[in-house]
Amino acid sequence: MLDWKNCPAVERSPDKVSGAWVFRGTRVPVRALFENLEAGAKVDDFLVWFEGVSRDQVDAVLEHAAG
């Protein structure tokens, strides 16, 4: 399991999406990115479907996940 504490693109709050890690400033769970990519979506698709998430945030999350 990844430790998201050091990724500036995400945040976690117990009163937001049941405490799930979300893209900072949104209610979009980080897991939504990975679920959509695994299902064959492109990053550009994700950015259209989830307004409010920036490409910089997606890039930071993917870089963090890659380690």
PDB file of N, CA and C in Angstrom:
ATOM      1  N   MET A   1       0.838  -1.184   0.000  1.00  0.00           N
ATOM      2  CA  MET A   1       0.000   0.000   0.000  1.00  0.00           C
ATOM      3  C   MET A   1       0.882   1.247   0.000  1.00  0.00           C
ATOM      4  N   LEU A   2       0.542   2.182  -0.848  1.00  0.00           N
ATOM      5  CA  LEU A   2       1.333   3.403  -0.961  1.00  0.00           C
ATOM      6  C   LEU A   2       1.049   4.360   0.181  1.00  0.00           C
ATOM      7  N   ASP A   3       2.082   5.080   0.593  1.00  0.00           N
ATOM      8  CA  ASP A   3       1.945   6.123   1.603  1.00  0.00           C
ATOM      9  C   ASP A   3       1.800   7.453   0.873  1.00  0.00           C
ATOM     10  N   TRP A   4       0.598   7.995   0.874  1.00  0.00           N
ATOM     11  CA  TRP A   4       0.312   9.215   0.122  1.00  0.00           C
ATOM     12  C   TRP A   4       0.651  10.488   0.889  1.00  0.00           C
ATOM     13  N   LYS A   5       1.083  10.381   2.138  1.00  0.00           N
ATOM     14  CA  LYS A   5       1.332  11.564   2.960  1.00  0.00           C
ATOM     15  C   LYS A   5       2.312  12.543   2.336  1.00  0.00           C
ATOM     16  N   ASN A   6       3.257  12.051   1.572  1.00  0.00           N
ATOM     17  CA  ASN A   6       4.295  12.903   0.991  1.00  0.00           C
ATOM     18  C   ASN A   6       3.986  13.361  -0.434  1.00  0.00           C
ATOM     19  N   CYS A   7       2.796  13.098  -0.905  1.00  0.00           N
ATOM     20  CA  CYS A   7       2.397  13.518  -2.252  1.00  0.00           C
ATOM     21  C   CYS A   7       1.567  14.791  -2.123  1.00  0.00           C
ATOM     22  N   PRO A   8       2.079  15.926  -2.598  1.00  0.00           N
ATOM     23  CA  PRO A   8       1.378  17.203  -2.431  1.00  0.00           C
ATOM     24  C   PRO A   8       0.089  17.334  -3.247  1.00  0.00           C
ATOM     25  N   ALA A   9      -0.150  16.427  -4.168  1.00  0.00           N
ATOM     26  CA  ALA A   9      -1.325  16.515  -5.038  1.00  0.00           C
ATOM     27  C   ALA A   9      -2.578  15.927  -4.408  1.00  0.00           C
ATOM     28  N   VAL A  10      -2.426  15.304  -3.232  1.00  0.00           N
ATOM     29  CA  VAL A  10      -3.560  14.636  -2.610  1.00  0.00           C
ATOM     30  C   VAL A  10      -3.741  15.091  -1.168  1.00  0.00           C
ATOM     31  N   GLU A  11      -4.935  14.810  -0.646  1.00  0.00           N
ATOM     32  CA  GLU A  11      -5.227  15.128   0.746  1.00  0.00           C
ATOM     33  C   GLU A  11      -6.207  14.104   1.286  1.00  0.00           C
ATOM     34  N   ARG A  12      -6.324  14.097   2.600  1.00  0.00           N
ATOM     35  CA  ARG A  12      -7.219  13.150   3.251  1.00  0.00           C
ATOM     36  C   ARG A  12      -7.854  13.834   4.449  1.00  0.00           C
ATOM     37  N   SER A  13      -9.160  13.694   4.544  1.00  0.00           N
ATOM     38  CA  SER A  13      -9.889  14.280   5.660  1.00  0.00           C
ATOM     39  C   SER A  13     -11.019  13.323   6.028  1.00  0.00           C
ATOM     40  N   PRO A  14     -11.234  13.100   7.323  1.00  0.00           N
ATOM     41  CA  PRO A  14     -12.273  12.154   7.721  1.00  0.00           C
ATOM     42  C   PRO A  14     -13.680  12.559   7.279  1.00  0.00           C
ATOM     43  N   ASP A  15     -13.883  13.852   7.025  1.00  0.00           N
ATOM     44  CA  ASP A  15     -15.218  14.308   6.611  1.00  0.00           C
ATOM     45  C   ASP A  15     -15.361  14.447   5.100  1.00  0.00           C
ATOM     46  N   LYS A  16     -14.377  13.976   4.358  1.00  0.00           N
ATOM     47  CA  LYS A  16     -14.401  14.058   2.900  1.00  0.00           C
ATOM     48  C   LYS A  16     -14.257  12.665   2.316  1.00  0.00           C
ATOM     49  N   VAL A  17     -15.271  12.180   1.625  1.00  0.00           N
ATOM     50  CA  VAL A  17     -15.255  10.872   0.949  1.00  0.00           C
ATOM     51  C   VAL A  17     -14.803   9.772   1.921  1.00  0.00           C
ATOM     52  N   SER A  18     -15.368   9.788   3.097  1.00  0.00           N
ATOM     53  CA  SER A  18     -15.109   8.769   4.128  1.00  0.00           C
ATOM     54  C   SER A  18     -13.628   8.600   4.464  1.00  0.00           C
ATOM     55  N   GLY A  19     -12.872   9.676   4.332  1.00  0.00           N
ATOM     56  CA  GLY A  19     -11.456   9.623   4.693  1.00  0.00           C
ATOM     57  C   GLY A  19     -10.544   9.059   3.628  1.00  0.00           C
ATOM     58  N   ALA A  20     -11.060   8.844   2.427  1.00  0.00           N
ATOM     59  CA  ALA A  20     -10.228   8.326   1.332  1.00  0.00           C
ATOM     60  C   ALA A  20      -9.262   9.415   0.858  1.00  0.00           C
ATOM     61  N   TRP A  21      -8.147   9.013   0.295  1.00  0.00           N
ATOM     62  CA  TRP A  21      -7.230   9.964  -0.321  1.00  0.00           C
ATOM     63  C   TRP A  21      -7.899  10.508  -1.574  1.00  0.00           C
ATOM     64  N   VAL A  22      -7.940  11.821  -1.678  1.00  0.00           N
ATOM     65  CA  VAL A  22      -8.558  12.489  -2.827  1.00  0.00           C
ATOM     66  C   VAL A  22      -7.579  13.480  -3.425  1.00  0.00           C
ATOM     67  N   PHE A  23      -7.845  13.860  -4.671  1.00  0.00           N
ATOM     68  CA  PHE A  23      -7.042  14.905  -5.284  1.00  0.00           C
ATOM     69  C   PHE A  23      -7.305  16.201  -4.525  1.00  0.00           C
ATOM     70  N   ARG A  24      -6.249  16.901  -4.143  1.00  0.00           N
ATOM     71  CA  ARG A  24      -6.357  18.111  -3.325  1.00  0.00           C
ATOM     72  C   ARG A  24      -7.352  19.093  -3.943  1.00  0.00           C
ATOM     73  N   GLY A  25      -8.248  19.589  -3.108  1.00  0.00           N
ATOM     74  CA  GLY A  25      -9.231  20.568  -3.543  1.00  0.00           C
ATOM     75  C   GLY A  25     -10.443  19.981  -4.245  1.00  0.00           C
ATOM     76  N   THR A  26     -10.537  18.644  -4.268  1.00  0.00           N
ATOM     77  CA  THR A  26     -11.667  17.978  -4.931  1.00  0.00           C
ATOM     78  C   THR A  26     -12.235  16.912  -4.007  1.00  0.00           C
ATOM     79  N   ARG A  27     -13.247  16.241  -4.494  1.00  0.00           N
ATOM     80  CA  ARG A  27     -13.781  15.063  -3.808  1.00  0.00           C
ATOM     81  C   ARG A  27     -13.525  13.810  -4.657  1.00  0.00           C
ATOM     82  N   VAL A  28     -12.586  13.895  -5.583  1.00  0.00           N
ATOM     83  CA  VAL A  28     -12.279  12.785  -6.494  1.00  0.00           C
ATOM     84  C   VAL A  28     -11.237  11.868  -5.841  1.00  0.00           C
ATOM     85  N   PRO A  29     -11.625  10.629  -5.548  1.00  0.00           N
ATOM     86  CA  PRO A  29     -10.673   9.699  -4.928  1.00  0.00           C
ATOM     87  C   PRO A  29      -9.516   9.363  -5.863  1.00  0.00           C
ATOM     88  N   VAL A  30      -8.343   9.244  -5.289  1.00  0.00           N
ATOM     89  CA  VAL A  30      -7.157   8.864  -6.060  1.00  0.00           C
ATOM     90  C   VAL A  30      -7.381   7.509  -6.728  1.00  0.00           C
ATOM     91  N   ARG A  31      -8.076   6.612  -6.035  1.00  0.00           N
ATOM     92  CA  ARG A  31      -8.302   5.270  -6.603  1.00  0.00           C
ATOM     93  C   ARG A  31      -9.078   5.340  -7.918  1.00  0.00           C
ATOM     94  N   ALA A  32      -9.879   6.408  -8.105  1.00  0.00           N
ATOM     95  CA  ALA A  32     -10.639   6.548  -9.356  1.00  0.00           C
ATOM     96  C   ALA A  32      -9.702   6.654 -10.552  1.00  0.00           C
ATOM     97  N   LEU A  33      -8.565   7.308 -10.372  1.00  0.00           N
ATOM     98  CA  LEU A  33      -7.596   7.413 -11.464  1.00  0.00           C
ATOM     99  C   LEU A  33      -7.106   6.021 -11.854  1.00  0.00           C
ATOM    100  N   PHE A  34      -6.676   5.255 -10.866  1.00  0.00           N
ATOM    101  CA  PHE A  34      -6.120   3.934 -11.163  1.00  0.00           C
ATOM    102  C   PHE A  34      -7.174   2.972 -11.709  1.00  0.00           C
ATOM    103  N   GLU A  35      -8.375   3.046 -11.177  1.00  0.00           N
ATOM    104  CA  GLU A  35      -9.452   2.187 -11.680  1.00  0.00           C
ATOM    105  C   GLU A  35      -9.749   2.497 -13.141  1.00  0.00           C
ATOM    106  N   ASN A  36      -9.783   3.769 -13.487  1.00  0.00           N
ATOM    107  CA  ASN A  36     -10.069   4.147 -14.873  1.00  0.00           C
ATOM    108  C   ASN A  36      -8.921   3.789 -15.805  1.00  0.00           C
ATOM    109  N   LEU A  37      -7.687   3.994 -15.364  1.00  0.00           N
ATOM    110  CA  LEU A  37      -6.541   3.626 -16.210  1.00  0.00           C
ATOM    111  C   LEU A  37      -6.502   2.121 -16.425  1.00  0.00           C
ATOM    112  N   GLU A  38      -6.765   1.360 -15.378  1.00  0.00           N
ATOM    113  CA  GLU A  38      -6.774  -0.104 -15.511  1.00  0.00           C
ATOM    114  C   GLU A  38      -7.878  -0.578 -16.444  1.00  0.00           C
ATOM    115  N   ALA A  39      -8.969   0.189 -16.524  1.00  0.00           N
ATOM    116  CA  ALA A  39     -10.089  -0.167 -17.405  1.00  0.00           C
ATOM    117  C   ALA A  39      -9.846   0.280 -18.846  1.00  0.00           C
ATOM    118  N   GLY A  40      -8.704   0.932 -19.094  1.00  0.00           N
ATOM    119  CA  GLY A  40      -8.360   1.309 -20.454  1.00  0.00           C
ATOM    120  C   GLY A  40      -8.507   2.776 -20.789  1.00  0.00           C
ATOM    121  N   ALA A  41      -8.916   3.584 -19.835  1.00  0.00           N
ATOM    122  CA  ALA A  41      -9.051   5.027 -20.090  1.00  0.00           C
ATOM    123  C   ALA A  41      -7.679   5.663 -20.230  1.00  0.00           C
ATOM    124  N   LYS A  42      -7.654   6.769 -20.893  1.00  0.00           N
ATOM    125  CA  LYS A  42      -6.451   7.587 -21.027  1.00  0.00           C
ATOM    126  C   LYS A  42      -6.514   8.707 -19.989  1.00  0.00           C
ATOM    127  N   VAL A  43      -5.361   9.272 -19.663  1.00  0.00           N
ATOM    128  CA  VAL A  43      -5.325  10.388 -18.710  1.00  0.00           C
ATOM    129  C   VAL A  43      -6.202  11.530 -19.203  1.00  0.00           C
ATOM    130  N   ASP A  44      -6.173  11.813 -20.489  1.00  0.00           N
ATOM    131  CA  ASP A  44      -7.006  12.893 -21.030  1.00  0.00           C
ATOM    132  C   ASP A  44      -8.491  12.630 -20.788  1.00  0.00           C
ATOM    133  N   ASP A  45      -8.907  11.385 -20.923  1.00  0.00           N
ATOM    134  CA  ASP A  45     -10.301  11.023 -20.627  1.00  0.00           C
ATOM    135  C   ASP A  45     -10.615  11.327 -19.167  1.00  0.00           C
ATOM    136  N   PHE A  46      -9.754  10.877 -18.278  1.00  0.00           N
ATOM    137  CA  PHE A  46      -9.956  11.081 -16.846  1.00  0.00           C
ATOM    138  C   PHE A  46     -10.109  12.565 -16.524  1.00  0.00           C
ATOM    139  N   LEU A  47      -9.282  13.393 -17.124  1.00  0.00           N
ATOM    140  CA  LEU A  47      -9.332  14.833 -16.856  1.00  0.00           C
ATOM    141  C   LEU A  47     -10.645  15.455 -17.328  1.00  0.00           C
ATOM    142  N   VAL A  48     -11.214  14.921 -18.389  1.00  0.00           N
ATOM    143  CA  VAL A  48     -12.513  15.412 -18.869  1.00  0.00           C
ATOM    144  C   VAL A  48     -13.628  14.931 -17.935  1.00  0.00           C
ATOM    145  N   TRP A  49     -13.556  13.684 -17.543  1.00  0.00           N
ATOM    146  CA  TRP A  49     -14.606  13.090 -16.716  1.00  0.00           C
ATOM    147  C   TRP A  49     -14.618  13.634 -15.297  1.00  0.00           C
ATOM    148  N   PHE A  50     -13.456  14.015 -14.792  1.00  0.00           N
ATOM    149  CA  PHE A  50     -13.337  14.470 -13.407  1.00  0.00           C
ATOM    150  C   PHE A  50     -12.816  15.905 -13.373  1.00  0.00           C
ATOM    151  N   GLU A  51     -13.716  16.827 -13.676  1.00  0.00           N
ATOM    152  CA  GLU A  51     -13.359  18.245 -13.666  1.00  0.00           C
ATOM    153  C   GLU A  51     -12.836  18.634 -12.292  1.00  0.00           C
ATOM    154  N   GLY A  52     -11.880  19.507 -12.285  1.00  0.00           N
ATOM    155  CA  GLY A  52     -11.295  19.959 -11.032  1.00  0.00           C
ATOM    156  C   GLY A  52      -9.955  19.309 -10.752  1.00  0.00           C
ATOM    157  N   VAL A  53      -9.709  18.153 -11.353  1.00  0.00           N
ATOM    158  CA  VAL A  53      -8.414  17.492 -11.223  1.00  0.00           C
ATOM    159  C   VAL A  53      -7.524  18.015 -12.344  1.00  0.00           C
ATOM    160  N   SER A  54      -6.324  18.440 -12.004  1.00  0.00           N
ATOM    161  CA  SER A  54      -5.414  18.994 -13.014  1.00  0.00           C
ATOM    162  C   SER A  54      -4.433  17.933 -13.515  1.00  0.00           C
ATOM    163  N   ARG A  55      -3.879  18.199 -14.665  1.00  0.00           N
ATOM    164  CA  ARG A  55      -2.863  17.292 -15.212  1.00  0.00           C
ATOM    165  C   ARG A  55      -1.665  17.221 -14.277  1.00  0.00           C
ATOM    166  N   ASP A  56      -1.297  18.351 -13.678  1.00  0.00           N
ATOM    167  CA  ASP A  56      -0.172  18.351 -12.739  1.00  0.00           C
ATOM    168  C   ASP A  56      -0.448  17.411 -11.561  1.00  0.00           C
ATOM    169  N   GLN A  57      -1.685  17.407 -11.074  1.00  0.00           N
ATOM    170  CA  GLN A  57      -2.032  16.505  -9.976  1.00  0.00           C
ATOM    171  C   GLN A  57      -1.928  15.052 -10.415  1.00  0.00           C
ATOM    172  N   VAL A  58      -2.455  14.746 -11.584  1.00  0.00           N
ATOM    173  CA  VAL A  58      -2.399  13.370 -12.101  1.00  0.00           C
ATOM    174  C   VAL A  58      -0.935  12.952 -12.275  1.00  0.00           C
ATOM    175  N   ASP A  59      -0.138  13.825 -12.873  1.00  0.00           N
ATOM    176  CA  ASP A  59       1.280  13.516 -13.068  1.00  0.00           C
ATOM    177  C   ASP A  59       1.983  13.251 -11.740  1.00  0.00           C
ATOM    178  N   ALA A  60       1.680  14.071 -10.734  1.00  0.00           N
ATOM    179  CA  ALA A  60       2.303  13.908  -9.417  1.00  0.00           C
ATOM    180  C   ALA A  60       1.899  12.585  -8.780  1.00  0.00           C
ATOM    181  N   VAL A  61       0.620  12.223  -8.914  1.00  0.00           N
ATOM    182  CA  VAL A  61       0.132  10.963  -8.349  1.00  0.00           C
ATOM    183  C   VAL A  61       0.790   9.770  -9.062  1.00  0.00           C
ATOM    184  N   LEU A  62       0.857   9.822 -10.368  1.00  0.00           N
ATOM    185  CA  LEU A  62       1.470   8.720 -11.112  1.00  0.00           C
ATOM    186  C   LEU A  62       2.956   8.606 -10.791  1.00  0.00           C
ATOM    187  N   GLU A  63       3.627   9.737 -10.663  1.00  0.00           N
ATOM    188  CA  GLU A  63       5.060   9.731 -10.318  1.00  0.00           C
ATOM    189  C   GLU A  63       5.247   9.150  -8.900  1.00  0.00           C
ATOM    190  N   HIS A  64       4.417   9.566  -7.986  1.00  0.00           N
ATOM    191  CA  HIS A  64       4.502   9.054  -6.613  1.00  0.00           C
ATOM    192  C   HIS A  64       4.263   7.544  -6.585  1.00  0.00           C
ATOM    193  N   ALA A  65       3.285   7.088  -7.341  1.00  0.00           N
ATOM    194  CA  ALA A  65       2.961   5.663  -7.376  1.00  0.00           C
ATOM    195  C   ALA A  65       4.092   4.845  -7.996  1.00  0.00           C
ATOM    196  N   ALA A  66       4.798   5.450  -8.946  1.00  0.00           N
ATOM    197  CA  ALA A  66       5.894   4.748  -9.604  1.00  0.00           C
ATOM    198  C   ALA A  66       7.111   4.621  -8.677  1.00  0.00           C
ATOM    199  N   GLY A  67       7.135   5.506  -7.677  1.00  0.00           N
ATOM    200  CA  GLY A  67       8.193   5.436  -6.679  1.00  0.00           C
ATOM    201  C   GLY A  67       9.450   6.002  -7.175  1.00  0.00           C
TER     202      GLY A  67
END
